[in-house]
Amino acid sequence: MDISFYNKKILEEVSSFKEPFASDIARALDILAMSGNEISLPHSKSLGKGLFELRCLGTGVRIFYAFSKQEAVVLHIVLKKQAKISKRDLELSRKRQKQLA
């Protein structure tokens, strides 16, 4: 499956992470590309209404994505510091998801 980025800023942000984050992000995106919509826990979790959270195991990086036109679109990326996803990050991801349609 192809993976695209919501905008250039997201791609730059994903590319800006240093080790050990960079290799975990690359590994998670590879798993998403290989598995497509068949990806499941522990790598990915549905957040409802077509929004998903790609988990970079071990580092706390979370990549929010949705499927659109036979590809996965990365909407937002965060370094998760709390057990719960922040409302701001979730709202931003959902807003971007709606703009895909």
C-alpha atoms as a PDB file:
ATOM      1  CA  MET A   1       0.000   0.000   0.000  1.00  0.00           C
ATOM      2  CA  ASP A   2       1.211   3.493  -0.784  1.00  0.00           C
ATOM      3  CA  ILE A   3       1.677   6.002   2.017  1.00  0.00           C
ATOM      4  CA  SER A   4       1.311   9.725   1.473  1.00  0.00           C
ATOM      5  CA  PHE A   5       1.449  12.724   3.765  1.00  0.00           C
ATOM      6  CA  TYR A   6      -1.314  15.249   4.381  1.00  0.00           C
ATOM      7  CA  ASN A   7       1.069  18.077   3.511  1.00  0.00           C
ATOM      8  CA  LYS A   8       4.755  18.860   3.139  1.00  0.00           C
ATOM      9  CA  LYS A   9       4.989  20.032   6.755  1.00  0.00           C
ATOM     10  CA  ILE A  10       3.941  16.578   8.028  1.00  0.00           C
ATOM     11  CA  LEU A  11       6.575  14.903   5.831  1.00  0.00           C
ATOM     12  CA  GLU A  12       9.241  17.299   7.138  1.00  0.00           C
ATOM     13  CA  GLU A  13       8.149  16.679  10.715  1.00  0.00           C
ATOM     14  CA  VAL A  14       8.292  12.900  10.261  1.00  0.00           C
ATOM     15  CA  SER A  15      11.748  13.248   8.675  1.00  0.00           C
ATOM     16  CA  SER A  16      13.022  15.502  11.480  1.00  0.00           C
ATOM     17  CA  PHE A  17      12.961  12.809  14.194  1.00  0.00           C
ATOM     18  CA  LYS A  18      16.385  11.531  15.274  1.00  0.00           C
ATOM     19  CA  GLU A  19      17.317   8.073  16.567  1.00  0.00           C
ATOM     20  CA  PRO A  20      15.883   6.003  18.148  1.00  0.00           C
ATOM     21  CA  PHE A  21      12.628   7.578  16.939  1.00  0.00           C
ATOM     22  CA  ALA A  22      13.571   7.647  13.236  1.00  0.00           C
ATOM     23  CA  SER A  23      14.094   3.900  12.914  1.00  0.00           C
ATOM     24  CA  ASP A  24      10.908   3.128  14.874  1.00  0.00           C
ATOM     25  CA  ILE A  25       8.909   5.476  12.633  1.00  0.00           C
ATOM     26  CA  ALA A  26      10.386   3.924   9.494  1.00  0.00           C
ATOM     27  CA  ARG A  27       9.621   0.413  10.802  1.00  0.00           C
ATOM     28  CA  ALA A  28       6.018   1.339  11.668  1.00  0.00           C
ATOM     29  CA  LEU A  29       5.442   2.937   8.259  1.00  0.00           C
ATOM     30  CA  ASP A  30       6.913  -0.153   6.563  1.00  0.00           C
ATOM     31  CA  ILE A  31       4.513  -2.386   8.504  1.00  0.00           C
ATOM     32  CA  LEU A  32       1.617  -0.144   7.442  1.00  0.00           C
ATOM     33  CA  ALA A  33       2.750  -0.237   3.803  1.00  0.00           C
ATOM     34  CA  MET A  34       3.014  -4.034   3.848  1.00  0.00           C
ATOM     35  CA  SER A  35      -0.173  -4.715   5.824  1.00  0.00           C
ATOM     36  CA  GLY A  36      -2.453  -1.973   4.518  1.00  0.00           C
ATOM     37  CA  ASN A  37      -5.901  -2.062   6.059  1.00  0.00           C
ATOM     38  CA  GLU A  38      -5.152  -5.491   7.564  1.00  0.00           C
ATOM     39  CA  ILE A  39      -2.816  -3.932  10.153  1.00  0.00           C
ATOM     40  CA  SER A  40      -3.941  -4.433  13.751  1.00  0.00           C
ATOM     41  CA  LEU A  41      -2.820  -4.250  17.369  1.00  0.00           C
ATOM     42  CA  PRO A  42      -0.179  -3.824  18.653  1.00  0.00           C
ATOM     43  CA  HIS A  43       0.900  -1.785  15.600  1.00  0.00           C
ATOM     44  CA  SER A  44      -2.296   0.098  14.878  1.00  0.00           C
ATOM     45  CA  LYS A  45      -5.472   0.992  16.700  1.00  0.00           C
ATOM     46  CA  SER A  46      -8.751   2.326  15.354  1.00  0.00           C
ATOM     47  CA  LEU A  47      -9.812   5.631  16.875  1.00  0.00           C
ATOM     48  CA  GLY A  48     -13.228   5.388  15.229  1.00  0.00           C
ATOM     49  CA  LYS A  49     -14.816   6.913  12.138  1.00  0.00           C
ATOM     50  CA  GLY A  50     -11.955   5.861   9.858  1.00  0.00           C
ATOM     51  CA  LEU A  51      -9.136   7.436  11.877  1.00  0.00           C
ATOM     52  CA  PHE A  52      -6.272   5.234  13.030  1.00  0.00           C
ATOM     53  CA  GLU A  53      -3.269   5.506  15.327  1.00  0.00           C
ATOM     54  CA  LEU A  54      -0.021   3.878  14.161  1.00  0.00           C
ATOM     55  CA  ARG A  55       2.069   3.013  17.204  1.00  0.00           C
ATOM     56  CA  CYS A  56       5.844   3.153  17.124  1.00  0.00           C
ATOM     57  CA  LEU A  57       6.438   0.560  19.793  1.00  0.00           C
ATOM     58  CA  GLY A  58       8.926   1.509  22.460  1.00  0.00           C
ATOM     59  CA  THR A  59       9.313   5.216  21.698  1.00  0.00           C
ATOM     60  CA  GLY A  60       5.846   6.639  22.292  1.00  0.00           C
ATOM     61  CA  VAL A  61       5.575   8.173  18.826  1.00  0.00           C
ATOM     62  CA  ARG A  62       2.047   8.062  17.441  1.00  0.00           C
ATOM     63  CA  ILE A  63       1.164   8.614  13.805  1.00  0.00           C
ATOM     64  CA  PHE A  64      -2.445   9.414  12.991  1.00  0.00           C
ATOM     65  CA  TYR A  65      -3.616   8.272   9.576  1.00  0.00           C
ATOM     66  CA  ALA A  66      -6.651   7.495   7.453  1.00  0.00           C
ATOM     67  CA  PHE A  67      -7.225   5.611   4.222  1.00  0.00           C
ATOM     68  CA  SER A  68      -8.081   7.549   1.083  1.00  0.00           C
ATOM     69  CA  LYS A  69      -8.041   6.465  -2.565  1.00  0.00           C
ATOM     70  CA  GLN A  70      -6.159   3.196  -2.050  1.00  0.00           C
ATOM     71  CA  GLU A  71      -3.465   4.773   0.128  1.00  0.00           C
ATOM     72  CA  ALA A  72      -2.772   5.545   3.762  1.00  0.00           C
ATOM     73  CA  VAL A  73      -2.484   9.277   4.431  1.00  0.00           C
ATOM     74  CA  VAL A  74      -0.414  10.432   7.414  1.00  0.00           C
ATOM     75  CA  LEU A  75      -2.382  13.255   9.032  1.00  0.00           C
ATOM     76  CA  HIS A  76      -0.412  14.077  12.179  1.00  0.00           C
ATOM     77  CA  ILE A  77       2.497  12.804  14.274  1.00  0.00           C
ATOM     78  CA  VAL A  78       3.140  13.283  17.994  1.00  0.00           C
ATOM     79  CA  LEU A  79       5.480  12.113  20.703  1.00  0.00           C
ATOM     80  CA  LYS A  80       2.975  10.784  23.204  1.00  0.00           C
ATOM     81  CA  LYS A  81       3.866  11.730  26.775  1.00  0.00           C
ATOM     82  CA  GLN A  82       0.603  10.786  28.491  1.00  0.00           C
ATOM     83  CA  ALA A  83      -1.514   7.667  28.542  1.00  0.00           C
ATOM     84  CA  LYS A  84      -4.353   9.454  26.772  1.00  0.00           C
ATOM     85  CA  ILE A  85      -4.230  11.176  23.374  1.00  0.00           C
ATOM     86  CA  SER A  86      -4.655  14.917  23.778  1.00  0.00           C
ATOM     87  CA  LYS A  87      -7.947  16.388  22.625  1.00  0.00           C
ATOM     88  CA  ARG A  88      -6.052  18.935  20.517  1.00  0.00           C
ATOM     89  CA  ASP A  89      -4.140  16.235  18.588  1.00  0.00           C
ATOM     90  CA  LEU A  90      -7.275  14.185  18.041  1.00  0.00           C
ATOM     91  CA  GLU A  91      -9.293  17.192  16.830  1.00  0.00           C
ATOM     92  CA  LEU A  92      -6.526  18.254  14.433  1.00  0.00           C
ATOM     93  CA  SER A  93      -6.314  14.738  12.987  1.00  0.00           C
ATOM     94  CA  ARG A  94     -10.095  14.526  12.537  1.00  0.00           C
ATOM     95  CA  LYS A  95     -10.194  17.973  10.879  1.00  0.00           C
ATOM     96  CA  ARG A  96      -7.518  16.912   8.407  1.00  0.00           C
ATOM     97  CA  GLN A  97      -9.284  13.605   7.804  1.00  0.00           C
ATOM     98  CA  LYS A  98     -12.489  15.424   6.832  1.00  0.00           C
ATOM     99  CA  GLN A  99     -10.534  17.537   4.344  1.00  0.00           C
ATOM    100  CA  LEU A 100      -9.427  14.391   2.497  1.00  0.00           C
ATOM    101  CA  ALA A 101     -12.953  13.613   1.327  1.00  0.00           C
END
